[in-house]
Amino acid sequence: MQTPTNITFRSMDASPAVEQAVADWCDRLEHTYGRIGHCSVVIELPHRRHRHGKTFHVRIELALADRTIAVSRDPGHDHAHEDVYVALGDAFRAARRQLQDYARIRRGDVKLHA
């Protein structure tokens, strides 16, 4: 992994396994677009919703040459996001889709309106 990555845990303890999962996802993003300047990931476990369980919120920011891609996953009432790995996967897949769109535009595969 060549992209510098900053991982922040809020309202929860840091976990080496989660940090490794983030590193693996960042490696996958590098295969999609190799010129990512910096990746910042915030994993938050809000302490509300006592009746619905605690769901993880994940925010990702990718710094590119001329743009920043930001993804925020607020699961709402999705109980699947009670697992941190599912929440990470959803957020990184959304970031990958945005990164693929950006790469297509940079290559000139998509024509933009002038």
PDB file of N, CA and C in Angstrom:
ATOM      1  N   MET A   1       0.848  -1.170   0.000  1.00  0.00           N
ATOM      2  CA  MET A   1       0.000   0.000   0.000  1.00  0.00           C
ATOM      3  C   MET A   1       0.898   1.239   0.000  1.00  0.00           C
ATOM      4  N   GLN A   2       0.717   2.073  -1.002  1.00  0.00           N
ATOM      5  CA  GLN A   2       1.524   3.276  -1.116  1.00  0.00           C
ATOM      6  C   GLN A   2       0.781   4.516  -0.636  1.00  0.00           C
ATOM      7  N   THR A   3      -0.516   4.468  -0.614  1.00  0.00           N
ATOM      8  CA  THR A   3      -1.311   5.624  -0.229  1.00  0.00           C
ATOM      9  C   THR A   3      -1.256   5.814   1.278  1.00  0.00           C
ATOM     10  N   PRO A   4      -0.876   7.010   1.744  1.00  0.00           N
ATOM     11  CA  PRO A   4      -0.924   7.253   3.190  1.00  0.00           C
ATOM     12  C   PRO A   4      -2.377   7.241   3.678  1.00  0.00           C
ATOM     13  N   THR A   5      -2.591   6.526   4.752  1.00  0.00           N
ATOM     14  CA  THR A   5      -3.944   6.353   5.272  1.00  0.00           C
ATOM     15  C   THR A   5      -3.999   6.818   6.718  1.00  0.00           C
ATOM     16  N   ASN A   6      -5.037   7.588   7.032  1.00  0.00           N
ATOM     17  CA  ASN A   6      -5.279   8.055   8.391  1.00  0.00           C
ATOM     18  C   ASN A   6      -6.601   7.452   8.856  1.00  0.00           C
ATOM     19  N   ILE A   7      -6.562   6.681   9.939  1.00  0.00           N
ATOM     20  CA  ILE A   7      -7.759   6.028  10.466  1.00  0.00           C
ATOM     21  C   ILE A   7      -8.061   6.629  11.830  1.00  0.00           C
ATOM     22  N   THR A   8      -9.302   7.104  12.000  1.00  0.00           N
ATOM     23  CA  THR A   8      -9.731   7.689  13.258  1.00  0.00           C
ATOM     24  C   THR A   8     -10.906   6.885  13.797  1.00  0.00           C
ATOM     25  N   PHE A   9     -10.814   6.490  15.058  1.00  0.00           N
ATOM     26  CA  PHE A   9     -11.905   5.793  15.739  1.00  0.00           C
ATOM     27  C   PHE A   9     -12.542   6.772  16.709  1.00  0.00           C
ATOM     28  N   ARG A  10     -13.863   6.904  16.635  1.00  0.00           N
ATOM     29  CA  ARG A  10     -14.583   7.788  17.557  1.00  0.00           C
ATOM     30  C   ARG A  10     -15.579   6.977  18.367  1.00  0.00           C
ATOM     31  N   SER A  11     -15.575   7.216  19.646  1.00  0.00           N
ATOM     32  CA  SER A  11     -16.480   6.551  20.596  1.00  0.00           C
ATOM     33  C   SER A  11     -16.293   5.040  20.614  1.00  0.00           C
ATOM     34  N   MET A  12     -15.104   4.608  20.278  1.00  0.00           N
ATOM     35  CA  MET A  12     -14.797   3.181  20.316  1.00  0.00           C
ATOM     36  C   MET A  12     -13.279   3.016  20.416  1.00  0.00           C
ATOM     37  N   ASP A  13     -12.864   1.837  20.796  1.00  0.00           N
ATOM     38  CA  ASP A  13     -11.434   1.550  20.901  1.00  0.00           C
ATOM     39  C   ASP A  13     -10.875   1.180  19.529  1.00  0.00           C
ATOM     40  N   ALA A  14      -9.625   1.519  19.318  1.00  0.00           N
ATOM     41  CA  ALA A  14      -8.952   1.144  18.077  1.00  0.00           C
ATOM     42  C   ALA A  14      -8.779  -0.364  18.028  1.00  0.00           C
ATOM     43  N   SER A  15      -8.867  -0.911  16.828  1.00  0.00           N
ATOM     44  CA  SER A  15      -8.752  -2.351  16.655  1.00  0.00           C
ATOM     45  C   SER A  15      -7.760  -2.649  15.529  1.00  0.00           C
ATOM     46  N   PRO A  16      -6.741  -3.450  15.798  1.00  0.00           N
ATOM     47  CA  PRO A  16      -5.798  -3.802  14.736  1.00  0.00           C
ATOM     48  C   PRO A  16      -6.464  -4.552  13.581  1.00  0.00           C
ATOM     49  N   ALA A  17      -7.476  -5.358  13.870  1.00  0.00           N
ATOM     50  CA  ALA A  17      -8.166  -6.104  12.814  1.00  0.00           C
ATOM     51  C   ALA A  17      -8.938  -5.149  11.900  1.00  0.00           C
ATOM     52  N   VAL A  18      -9.572  -4.142  12.475  1.00  0.00           N
ATOM     53  CA  VAL A  18     -10.298  -3.162  11.669  1.00  0.00           C
ATOM     54  C   VAL A  18      -9.306  -2.316  10.868  1.00  0.00           C
ATOM     55  N   GLU A  19      -8.185  -1.963  11.475  1.00  0.00           N
ATOM     56  CA  GLU A  19      -7.158  -1.211  10.751  1.00  0.00           C
ATOM     57  C   GLU A  19      -6.642  -2.008   9.561  1.00  0.00           C
ATOM     58  N   GLN A  20      -6.481  -3.316   9.731  1.00  0.00           N
ATOM     59  CA  GLN A  20      -6.039  -4.164   8.623  1.00  0.00           C
ATOM     60  C   GLN A  20      -7.105  -4.239   7.532  1.00  0.00           C
ATOM     61  N   ALA A  21      -8.367  -4.292   7.934  1.00  0.00           N
ATOM     62  CA  ALA A  21      -9.453  -4.310   6.946  1.00  0.00           C
ATOM     63  C   ALA A  21      -9.461  -3.020   6.133  1.00  0.00           C
ATOM     64  N   VAL A  22      -9.245  -1.887   6.792  1.00  0.00           N
ATOM     65  CA  VAL A  22      -9.175  -0.605   6.086  1.00  0.00           C
ATOM     66  C   VAL A  22      -7.995  -0.604   5.127  1.00  0.00           C
ATOM     67  N   ALA A  23      -6.853  -1.124   5.550  1.00  0.00           N
ATOM     68  CA  ALA A  23      -5.682  -1.187   4.676  1.00  0.00           C
ATOM     69  C   ALA A  23      -5.960  -2.056   3.450  1.00  0.00           C
ATOM     70  N   ASP A  24      -6.661  -3.170   3.643  1.00  0.00           N
ATOM     71  CA  ASP A  24      -7.008  -4.040   2.515  1.00  0.00           C
ATOM     72  C   ASP A  24      -7.923  -3.325   1.530  1.00  0.00           C
ATOM     73  N   TRP A  25      -8.915  -2.595   2.048  1.00  0.00           N
ATOM     74  CA  TRP A  25      -9.819  -1.849   1.178  1.00  0.00           C
ATOM     75  C   TRP A  25      -9.074  -0.739   0.438  1.00  0.00           C
ATOM     76  N   CYS A  26      -8.134  -0.095   1.101  1.00  0.00           N
ATOM     77  CA  CYS A  26      -7.349   0.953   0.433  1.00  0.00           C
ATOM     78  C   CYS A  26      -6.500   0.363  -0.688  1.00  0.00           C
ATOM     79  N   ASP A  27      -5.978  -0.837  -0.481  1.00  0.00           N
ATOM     80  CA  ASP A  27      -5.239  -1.520  -1.546  1.00  0.00           C
ATOM     81  C   ASP A  27      -6.131  -1.755  -2.760  1.00  0.00           C
ATOM     82  N   ARG A  28      -7.370  -2.140  -2.510  1.00  0.00           N
ATOM     83  CA  ARG A  28      -8.306  -2.357  -3.619  1.00  0.00           C
ATOM     84  C   ARG A  28      -8.582  -1.053  -4.365  1.00  0.00           C
ATOM     85  N   LEU A  29      -8.679   0.045  -3.617  1.00  0.00           N
ATOM     86  CA  LEU A  29      -8.897   1.334  -4.272  1.00  0.00           C
ATOM     87  C   LEU A  29      -7.703   1.724  -5.129  1.00  0.00           C
ATOM     88  N   GLU A  30      -6.501   1.385  -4.686  1.00  0.00           N
ATOM     89  CA  GLU A  30      -5.308   1.687  -5.472  1.00  0.00           C
ATOM     90  C   GLU A  30      -5.300   0.934  -6.798  1.00  0.00           C
ATOM     91  N   HIS A  31      -5.888  -0.253  -6.818  1.00  0.00           N
ATOM     92  CA  HIS A  31      -5.984  -0.998  -8.076  1.00  0.00           C
ATOM     93  C   HIS A  31      -6.971  -0.326  -9.024  1.00  0.00           C
ATOM     94  N   THR A  32      -7.973   0.355  -8.480  1.00  0.00           N
ATOM     95  CA  THR A  32      -8.945   1.064  -9.308  1.00  0.00           C
ATOM     96  C   THR A  32      -8.326   2.322  -9.899  1.00  0.00           C
ATOM     97  N   TYR A  33      -7.636   3.086  -9.068  1.00  0.00           N
ATOM     98  CA  TYR A  33      -7.005   4.329  -9.514  1.00  0.00           C
ATOM     99  C   TYR A  33      -5.741   4.508  -8.690  1.00  0.00           C
ATOM    100  N   GLY A  34      -4.601   4.433  -9.325  1.00  0.00           N
ATOM    101  CA  GLY A  34      -3.333   4.377  -8.616  1.00  0.00           C
ATOM    102  C   GLY A  34      -2.781   5.694  -8.121  1.00  0.00           C
ATOM    103  N   ARG A  35      -3.446   6.803  -8.395  1.00  0.00           N
ATOM    104  CA  ARG A  35      -2.892   8.098  -8.009  1.00  0.00           C
ATOM    105  C   ARG A  35      -3.705   8.762  -6.898  1.00  0.00           C
ATOM    106  N   ILE A  36      -3.955   8.041  -5.855  1.00  0.00           N
ATOM    107  CA  ILE A  36      -4.652   8.591  -4.700  1.00  0.00           C
ATOM    108  C   ILE A  36      -3.596   9.230  -3.809  1.00  0.00           C
ATOM    109  N   GLY A  37      -3.789  10.490  -3.464  1.00  0.00           N
ATOM    110  CA  GLY A  37      -2.806  11.198  -2.657  1.00  0.00           C
ATOM    111  C   GLY A  37      -2.873  10.841  -1.183  1.00  0.00           C
ATOM    112  N   HIS A  38      -4.079  10.721  -0.654  1.00  0.00           N
ATOM    113  CA  HIS A  38      -4.252  10.468   0.776  1.00  0.00           C
ATOM    114  C   HIS A  38      -5.639   9.884   0.995  1.00  0.00           C
ATOM    115  N   CYS A  39      -5.757   8.995   1.955  1.00  0.00           N
ATOM    116  CA  CYS A  39      -7.048   8.398   2.314  1.00  0.00           C
ATOM    117  C   CYS A  39      -7.269   8.611   3.807  1.00  0.00           C
ATOM    118  N   SER A  40      -8.401   9.204   4.138  1.00  0.00           N
ATOM    119  CA  SER A  40      -8.755   9.445   5.534  1.00  0.00           C
ATOM    120  C   SER A  40     -10.060   8.703   5.835  1.00  0.00           C
ATOM    121  N   VAL A  41     -10.053   7.886   6.880  1.00  0.00           N
ATOM    122  CA  VAL A  41     -11.219   7.078   7.241  1.00  0.00           C
ATOM    123  C   VAL A  41     -11.588   7.381   8.689  1.00  0.00           C
ATOM    124  N   VAL A  42     -12.860   7.691   8.921  1.00  0.00           N
ATOM    125  CA  VAL A  42     -13.365   7.907  10.276  1.00  0.00           C
ATOM    126  C   VAL A  42     -14.434   6.852  10.533  1.00  0.00           C
ATOM    127  N   ILE A  43     -14.236   6.071  11.590  1.00  0.00           N
ATOM    128  CA  ILE A  43     -15.189   5.044  11.995  1.00  0.00           C
ATOM    129  C   ILE A  43     -15.759   5.478  13.330  1.00  0.00           C
ATOM    130  N   GLU A  44     -17.069   5.624  13.358  1.00  0.00           N
ATOM    131  CA  GLU A  44     -17.718   6.173  14.550  1.00  0.00           C
ATOM    132  C   GLU A  44     -18.815   5.238  15.025  1.00  0.00           C
ATOM    133  N   LEU A  45     -18.900   5.081  16.316  1.00  0.00           N
ATOM    134  CA  LEU A  45     -19.956   4.291  16.938  1.00  0.00           C
ATOM    135  C   LEU A  45     -20.753   5.216  17.847  1.00  0.00           C
ATOM    136  N   PRO A  46     -21.831   5.807  17.323  1.00  0.00           N
ATOM    137  CA  PRO A  46     -22.630   6.704  18.160  1.00  0.00           C
ATOM    138  C   PRO A  46     -23.249   5.941  19.332  1.00  0.00           C
ATOM    139  N   HIS A  47     -23.442   6.616  20.433  1.00  0.00           N
ATOM    140  CA  HIS A  47     -23.989   5.958  21.611  1.00  0.00           C
ATOM    141  C   HIS A  47     -25.461   6.255  21.793  1.00  0.00           C
ATOM    142  N   ARG A  48     -26.193   6.301  20.720  1.00  0.00           N
ATOM    143  CA  ARG A  48     -27.643   6.487  20.781  1.00  0.00           C
ATOM    144  C   ARG A  48     -28.310   5.232  20.236  1.00  0.00           C
ATOM    145  N   ARG A  49     -29.611   5.258  20.057  1.00  0.00           N
ATOM    146  CA  ARG A  49     -30.398   4.142  19.515  1.00  0.00           C
ATOM    147  C   ARG A  49     -30.276   2.895  20.382  1.00  0.00           C
ATOM    148  N   HIS A  50     -30.588   3.039  21.610  1.00  0.00           N
ATOM    149  CA  HIS A  50     -30.447   1.914  22.512  1.00  0.00           C
ATOM    150  C   HIS A  50     -31.412   0.786  22.181  1.00  0.00           C
ATOM    151  N   ARG A  51     -32.534   1.108  21.583  1.00  0.00           N
ATOM    152  CA  ARG A  51     -33.504   0.062  21.256  1.00  0.00           C
ATOM    153  C   ARG A  51     -33.208  -0.608  19.922  1.00  0.00           C
ATOM    154  N   HIS A  52     -32.505   0.067  19.050  1.00  0.00           N
ATOM    155  CA  HIS A  52     -32.267  -0.479  17.715  1.00  0.00           C
ATOM    156  C   HIS A  52     -30.866  -1.049  17.553  1.00  0.00           C
ATOM    157  N   GLY A  53     -30.062  -1.015  18.560  1.00  0.00           N
ATOM    158  CA  GLY A  53     -28.685  -1.464  18.437  1.00  0.00           C
ATOM    159  C   GLY A  53     -27.789  -0.327  17.998  1.00  0.00           C
ATOM    160  N   LYS A  54     -26.515  -0.541  18.097  1.00  0.00           N
ATOM    161  CA  LYS A  54     -25.558   0.500  17.726  1.00  0.00           C
ATOM    162  C   LYS A  54     -25.052   0.217  16.318  1.00  0.00           C
ATOM    163  N   THR A  55     -25.187   1.201  15.469  1.00  0.00           N
ATOM    164  CA  THR A  55     -24.731   1.046  14.086  1.00  0.00           C
ATOM    165  C   THR A  55     -23.508   1.925  13.857  1.00  0.00           C
ATOM    166  N   PHE A  56     -22.619   1.447  13.030  1.00  0.00           N
ATOM    167  CA  PHE A  56     -21.377   2.151  12.739  1.00  0.00           C
ATOM    168  C   PHE A  56     -21.583   3.152  11.617  1.00  0.00           C
ATOM    169  N   HIS A  57     -20.976   4.305  11.758  1.00  0.00           N
ATOM    170  CA  HIS A  57     -20.956   5.332  10.725  1.00  0.00           C
ATOM    171  C   HIS A  57     -19.528   5.389  10.186  1.00  0.00           C
ATOM    172  N   VAL A  58     -19.398   5.377   8.874  1.00  0.00           N
ATOM    173  CA  VAL A  58     -18.072   5.397   8.246  1.00  0.00           C
ATOM    174  C   VAL A  58     -18.014   6.561   7.272  1.00  0.00           C
ATOM    175  N   ARG A  59     -16.955   7.358   7.381  1.00  0.00           N
ATOM    176  CA  ARG A  59     -16.705   8.450   6.436  1.00  0.00           C
ATOM    177  C   ARG A  59     -15.331   8.250   5.814  1.00  0.00           C
ATOM    178  N   ILE A  60     -15.272   8.407   4.491  1.00  0.00           N
ATOM    179  CA  ILE A  60     -14.017   8.236   3.762  1.00  0.00           C
ATOM    180  C   ILE A  60     -13.778   9.477   2.924  1.00  0.00           C
ATOM    181  N   GLU A  61     -12.561   9.976   2.954  1.00  0.00           N
ATOM    182  CA  GLU A  61     -12.156  11.074   2.076  1.00  0.00           C
ATOM    183  C   GLU A  61     -10.912  10.636   1.323  1.00  0.00           C
ATOM    184  N   LEU A  62     -10.988  10.748  -0.003  1.00  0.00           N
ATOM    185  CA  LEU A  62      -9.858  10.424  -0.862  1.00  0.00           C
ATOM    186  C   LEU A  62      -9.363  11.710  -1.499  1.00  0.00           C
ATOM    187  N   ALA A  63      -8.110  12.038  -1.288  1.00  0.00           N
ATOM    188  CA  ALA A  63      -7.525  13.236  -1.879  1.00  0.00           C
ATOM    189  C   ALA A  63      -6.880  12.845  -3.203  1.00  0.00           C
ATOM    190  N   LEU A  64      -7.372  13.445  -4.293  1.00  0.00           N
ATOM    191  CA  LEU A  64      -6.824  13.213  -5.626  1.00  0.00           C
ATOM    192  C   LEU A  64      -6.119  14.476  -6.081  1.00  0.00           C
ATOM    193  N   ALA A  65      -5.600  14.467  -7.270  1.00  0.00           N
ATOM    194  CA  ALA A  65      -4.834  15.607  -7.763  1.00  0.00           C
ATOM    195  C   ALA A  65      -5.672  16.883  -7.815  1.00  0.00           C
ATOM    196  N   ASP A  66      -6.868  16.812  -8.341  1.00  0.00           N
ATOM    197  CA  ASP A  66      -7.676  18.010  -8.526  1.00  0.00           C
ATOM    198  C   ASP A  66      -9.044  17.941  -7.856  1.00  0.00           C
ATOM    199  N   ARG A  67      -9.252  16.946  -7.017  1.00  0.00           N
ATOM    200  CA  ARG A  67     -10.578  16.747  -6.431  1.00  0.00           C
ATOM    201  C   ARG A  67     -10.466  15.936  -5.151  1.00  0.00           C
ATOM    202  N   THR A  68     -11.461  16.068  -4.324  1.00  0.00           N
ATOM    203  CA  THR A  68     -11.589  15.228  -3.133  1.00  0.00           C
ATOM    204  C   THR A  68     -12.879  14.445  -3.245  1.00  0.00           C
ATOM    205  N   ILE A  69     -12.789  13.151  -3.093  1.00  0.00           N
ATOM    206  CA  ILE A  69     -13.976  12.300  -3.090  1.00  0.00           C
ATOM    207  C   ILE A  69     -14.312  12.014  -1.636  1.00  0.00           C
ATOM    208  N   ALA A  70     -15.532  12.331  -1.260  1.00  0.00           N
ATOM    209  CA  ALA A  70     -15.977  12.116   0.114  1.00  0.00           C
ATOM    210  C   ALA A  70     -17.195  11.196   0.108  1.00  0.00           C
ATOM    211  N   VAL A  71     -17.153  10.200   0.966  1.00  0.00           N
ATOM    212  CA  VAL A  71     -18.255   9.247   1.100  1.00  0.00           C
ATOM    213  C   VAL A  71     -18.613   9.166   2.569  1.00  0.00           C
ATOM    214  N   SER A  72     -19.895   9.257   2.852  1.00  0.00           N
ATOM    215  CA  SER A  72     -20.370   9.129   4.219  1.00  0.00           C
ATOM    216  C   SER A  72     -21.508   8.122   4.236  1.00  0.00           C
ATOM    217  N   ARG A  73     -21.406   7.141   5.078  1.00  0.00           N
ATOM    218  CA  ARG A  73     -22.436   6.130   5.172  1.00  0.00           C
ATOM    219  C   ARG A  73     -23.113   6.227   6.531  1.00  0.00           C
ATOM    220  N   ASP A  74     -24.335   6.754   6.516  1.00  0.00           N
ATOM    221  CA  ASP A  74     -25.181   6.792   7.704  1.00  0.00           C
ATOM    222  C   ASP A  74     -26.266   5.755   7.474  1.00  0.00           C
ATOM    223  N   PRO A  75     -26.211   4.630   8.153  1.00  0.00           N
ATOM    224  CA  PRO A  75     -27.070   3.513   7.805  1.00  0.00           C
ATOM    225  C   PRO A  75     -28.544   3.677   8.139  1.00  0.00           C
ATOM    226  N   GLY A  76     -28.886   4.643   8.968  1.00  0.00           N
ATOM    227  CA  GLY A  76     -30.293   4.754   9.346  1.00  0.00           C
ATOM    228  C   GLY A  76     -30.700   3.578  10.210  1.00  0.00           C
ATOM    229  N   HIS A  77     -31.708   2.839   9.774  1.00  0.00           N
ATOM    230  CA  HIS A  77     -32.194   1.691  10.542  1.00  0.00           C
ATOM    231  C   HIS A  77     -31.696   0.368   9.980  1.00  0.00           C
ATOM    232  N   ASP A  78     -30.642   0.384   9.195  1.00  0.00           N
ATOM    233  CA  ASP A  78     -30.086  -0.829   8.609  1.00  0.00           C
ATOM    234  C   ASP A  78     -29.307  -1.588   9.676  1.00  0.00           C
ATOM    235  N   HIS A  79     -29.832  -2.719  10.105  1.00  0.00           N
ATOM    236  CA  HIS A  79     -29.197  -3.479  11.177  1.00  0.00           C
ATOM    237  C   HIS A  79     -27.929  -4.183  10.717  1.00  0.00           C
ATOM    238  N   ALA A  80     -27.699  -4.249   9.417  1.00  0.00           N
ATOM    239  CA  ALA A  80     -26.470  -4.872   8.926  1.00  0.00           C
ATOM    240  C   ALA A  80     -25.255  -4.055   9.339  1.00  0.00           C
ATOM    241  N   HIS A  81     -25.440  -2.747   9.550  1.00  0.00           N
ATOM    242  CA  HIS A  81     -24.317  -1.887   9.916  1.00  0.00           C
ATOM    243  C   HIS A  81     -23.977  -1.961  11.400  1.00  0.00           C
ATOM    244  N   GLU A  82     -24.565  -2.914  12.098  1.00  0.00           N
ATOM    245  CA  GLU A  82     -24.136  -3.181  13.468  1.00  0.00           C
ATOM    246  C   GLU A  82     -22.804  -3.931  13.449  1.00  0.00           C
ATOM    247  N   ASP A  83     -22.408  -4.441  12.295  1.00  0.00           N
ATOM    248  CA  ASP A  83     -21.107  -5.075  12.093  1.00  0.00           C
ATOM    249  C   ASP A  83     -20.198  -4.070  11.399  1.00  0.00           C
ATOM    250  N   VAL A  84     -19.051  -3.782  11.999  1.00  0.00           N
ATOM    251  CA  VAL A  84     -18.155  -2.753  11.473  1.00  0.00           C
ATOM    252  C   VAL A  84     -17.638  -3.127  10.088  1.00  0.00           C
ATOM    253  N   TYR A  85     -17.454  -4.413   9.820  1.00  0.00           N
ATOM    254  CA  TYR A  85     -16.922  -4.833   8.528  1.00  0.00           C
ATOM    255  C   TYR A  85     -17.930  -4.637   7.395  1.00  0.00           C
ATOM    256  N   VAL A  86     -19.196  -4.810   7.691  1.00  0.00           N
ATOM    257  CA  VAL A  86     -20.246  -4.551   6.692  1.00  0.00           C
ATOM    258  C   VAL A  86     -20.318  -3.056   6.403  1.00  0.00           C
ATOM    259  N   ALA A  87     -20.251  -2.244   7.443  1.00  0.00           N
ATOM    260  CA  ALA A  87     -20.280  -0.791   7.255  1.00  0.00           C
ATOM    261  C   ALA A  87     -19.070  -0.322   6.450  1.00  0.00           C
ATOM    262  N   LEU A  88     -17.891  -0.863   6.743  1.00  0.00           N
ATOM    263  CA  LEU A  88     -16.691  -0.518   5.980  1.00  0.00           C
ATOM    264  C   LEU A  88     -16.831  -0.930   4.518  1.00  0.00           C
ATOM    265  N   GLY A  89     -17.329  -2.121   4.290  1.00  0.00           N
ATOM    266  CA  GLY A  89     -17.495  -2.610   2.929  1.00  0.00           C
ATOM    267  C   GLY A  89     -18.428  -1.739   2.114  1.00  0.00           C
ATOM    268  N   ASP A  90     -19.557  -1.356   2.706  1.00  0.00           N
ATOM    269  CA  ASP A  90     -20.510  -0.484   1.999  1.00  0.00           C
ATOM    270  C   ASP A  90     -19.882   0.856   1.657  1.00  0.00           C
ATOM    271  N   ALA A  91     -19.175   1.443   2.600  1.00  0.00           N
ATOM    272  CA  ALA A  91     -18.562   2.756   2.369  1.00  0.00           C
ATOM    273  C   ALA A  91     -17.461   2.675   1.316  1.00  0.00           C
ATOM    274  N   PHE A  92     -16.620   1.667   1.390  1.00  0.00           N
ATOM    275  CA  PHE A  92     -15.524   1.557   0.420  1.00  0.00           C
ATOM    276  C   PHE A  92     -16.032   1.196  -0.975  1.00  0.00           C
ATOM    277  N   ARG A  93     -17.108   0.431  -1.058  1.00  0.00           N
ATOM    278  CA  ARG A  93     -17.689   0.153  -2.377  1.00  0.00           C
ATOM    279  C   ARG A  93     -18.240   1.429  -3.003  1.00  0.00           C
ATOM    280  N   ALA A  94     -18.863   2.265  -2.203  1.00  0.00           N
ATOM    281  CA  ALA A  94     -19.369   3.548  -2.716  1.00  0.00           C
ATOM    282  C   ALA A  94     -18.209   4.436  -3.150  1.00  0.00           C
ATOM    283  N   ALA A  95     -17.129   4.442  -2.384  1.00  0.00           N
ATOM    284  CA  ALA A  95     -15.953   5.228  -2.760  1.00  0.00           C
ATOM    285  C   ALA A  95     -15.341   4.693  -4.048  1.00  0.00           C
ATOM    286  N   ARG A  96     -15.329   3.376  -4.207  1.00  0.00           N
ATOM    287  CA  ARG A  96     -14.776   2.788  -5.426  1.00  0.00           C
ATOM    288  C   ARG A  96     -15.607   3.167  -6.646  1.00  0.00           C
ATOM    289  N   ARG A  97     -16.934   3.182  -6.512  1.00  0.00           N
ATOM    290  CA  ARG A  97     -17.787   3.595  -7.634  1.00  0.00           C
ATOM    291  C   ARG A  97     -17.505   5.043  -8.029  1.00  0.00           C
ATOM    292  N   GLN A  98     -17.368   5.918  -7.044  1.00  0.00           N
ATOM    293  CA  GLN A  98     -17.056   7.310  -7.359  1.00  0.00           C
ATOM    294  C   GLN A  98     -15.667   7.443  -7.973  1.00  0.00           C
ATOM    295  N   LEU A  99     -14.731   6.655  -7.504  1.00  0.00           N
ATOM    296  CA  LEU A  99     -13.375   6.681  -8.048  1.00  0.00           C
ATOM    297  C   LEU A  99     -13.348   6.159  -9.485  1.00  0.00           C
ATOM    298  N   GLN A 100     -14.143   5.135  -9.770  1.00  0.00           N
ATOM    299  CA  GLN A 100     -14.237   4.627 -11.142  1.00  0.00           C
ATOM    300  C   GLN A 100     -14.829   5.679 -12.069  1.00  0.00           C
ATOM    301  N   ASP A 101     -15.848   6.389 -11.616  1.00  0.00           N
ATOM    302  CA  ASP A 101     -16.431   7.467 -12.425  1.00  0.00           C
ATOM    303  C   ASP A 101     -15.401   8.556 -12.687  1.00  0.00           C
ATOM    304  N   TYR A 102     -14.649   8.911 -11.674  1.00  0.00           N
ATOM    305  CA  TYR A 102     -13.607   9.932 -11.820  1.00  0.00           C
ATOM    306  C   TYR A 102     -12.554   9.478 -12.829  1.00  0.00           C
ATOM    307  N   ALA A 103     -12.143   8.214 -12.750  1.00  0.00           N
ATOM    308  CA  ALA A 103     -11.122   7.689 -13.664  1.00  0.00           C
ATOM    309  C   ALA A 103     -11.640   7.691 -15.104  1.00  0.00           C
ATOM    310  N   ARG A 104     -12.910   7.373 -15.302  1.00  0.00           N
ATOM    311  CA  ARG A 104     -13.492   7.408 -16.653  1.00  0.00           C
ATOM    312  C   ARG A 104     -13.478   8.822 -17.219  1.00  0.00           C
ATOM    313  N   ILE A 105     -13.793   9.792 -16.393  1.00  0.00           N
ATOM    314  CA  ILE A 105     -13.786  11.183 -16.839  1.00  0.00           C
ATOM    315  C   ILE A 105     -12.361  11.611 -17.186  1.00  0.00           C
ATOM    316  N   ARG A 106     -11.407  11.235 -16.355  1.00  0.00           N
ATOM    317  CA  ARG A 106     -10.005  11.601 -16.612  1.00  0.00           C
ATOM    318  C   ARG A 106      -9.479  10.976 -17.902  1.00  0.00           C
ATOM    319  N   ARG A 107      -9.911   9.747 -18.194  1.00  0.00           N
ATOM    320  CA  ARG A 107      -9.471   9.077 -19.421  1.00  0.00           C
ATOM    321  C   ARG A 107     -10.158   9.641 -20.655  1.00  0.00           C
ATOM    322  N   GLY A 108     -11.278  10.325 -20.457  1.00  0.00           N
ATOM    323  CA  GLY A 108     -12.022  10.861 -21.587  1.00  0.00           C
ATOM    324  C   GLY A 108     -13.081   9.919 -22.111  1.00  0.00           C
ATOM    325  N   ASP A 109     -13.395   8.871 -21.359  1.00  0.00           N
ATOM    326  CA  ASP A 109     -14.426   7.934 -21.775  1.00  0.00           C
ATOM    327  C   ASP A 109     -15.825   8.504 -21.654  1.00  0.00           C
ATOM    328  N   VAL A 110     -15.986   9.517 -20.820  1.00  0.00           N
ATOM    329  CA  VAL A 110     -17.286  10.144 -20.595  1.00  0.00           C
ATOM    330  C   VAL A 110     -17.221  11.558 -21.130  1.00  0.00           C
ATOM    331  N   LYS A 111     -18.193  11.903 -21.959  1.00  0.00           N
ATOM    332  CA  LYS A 111     -18.234  13.259 -22.486  1.00  0.00           C
ATOM    333  C   LYS A 111     -19.095  14.116 -21.569  1.00  0.00           C
ATOM    334  N   LEU A 112     -18.542  15.231 -21.162  1.00  0.00           N
ATOM    335  CA  LEU A 112     -19.246  16.141 -20.285  1.00  0.00           C
ATOM    336  C   LEU A 112     -19.831  17.283 -21.106  1.00  0.00           C
ATOM    337  N   HIS A 113     -20.932  17.824 -20.633  1.00  0.00           N
ATOM    338  CA  HIS A 113     -21.522  18.975 -21.289  1.00  0.00           C
ATOM    339  C   HIS A 113     -20.660  20.204 -21.044  1.00  0.00           C
ATOM    340  N   ALA A 114     -20.461  20.986 -22.089  1.00  0.00           N
ATOM    341  CA  ALA A 114     -19.607  22.167 -21.971  1.00  0.00           C
ATOM    342  C   ALA A 114     -20.309  23.314 -21.268  1.00  0.00           C
TER     343      ALA A 114
END
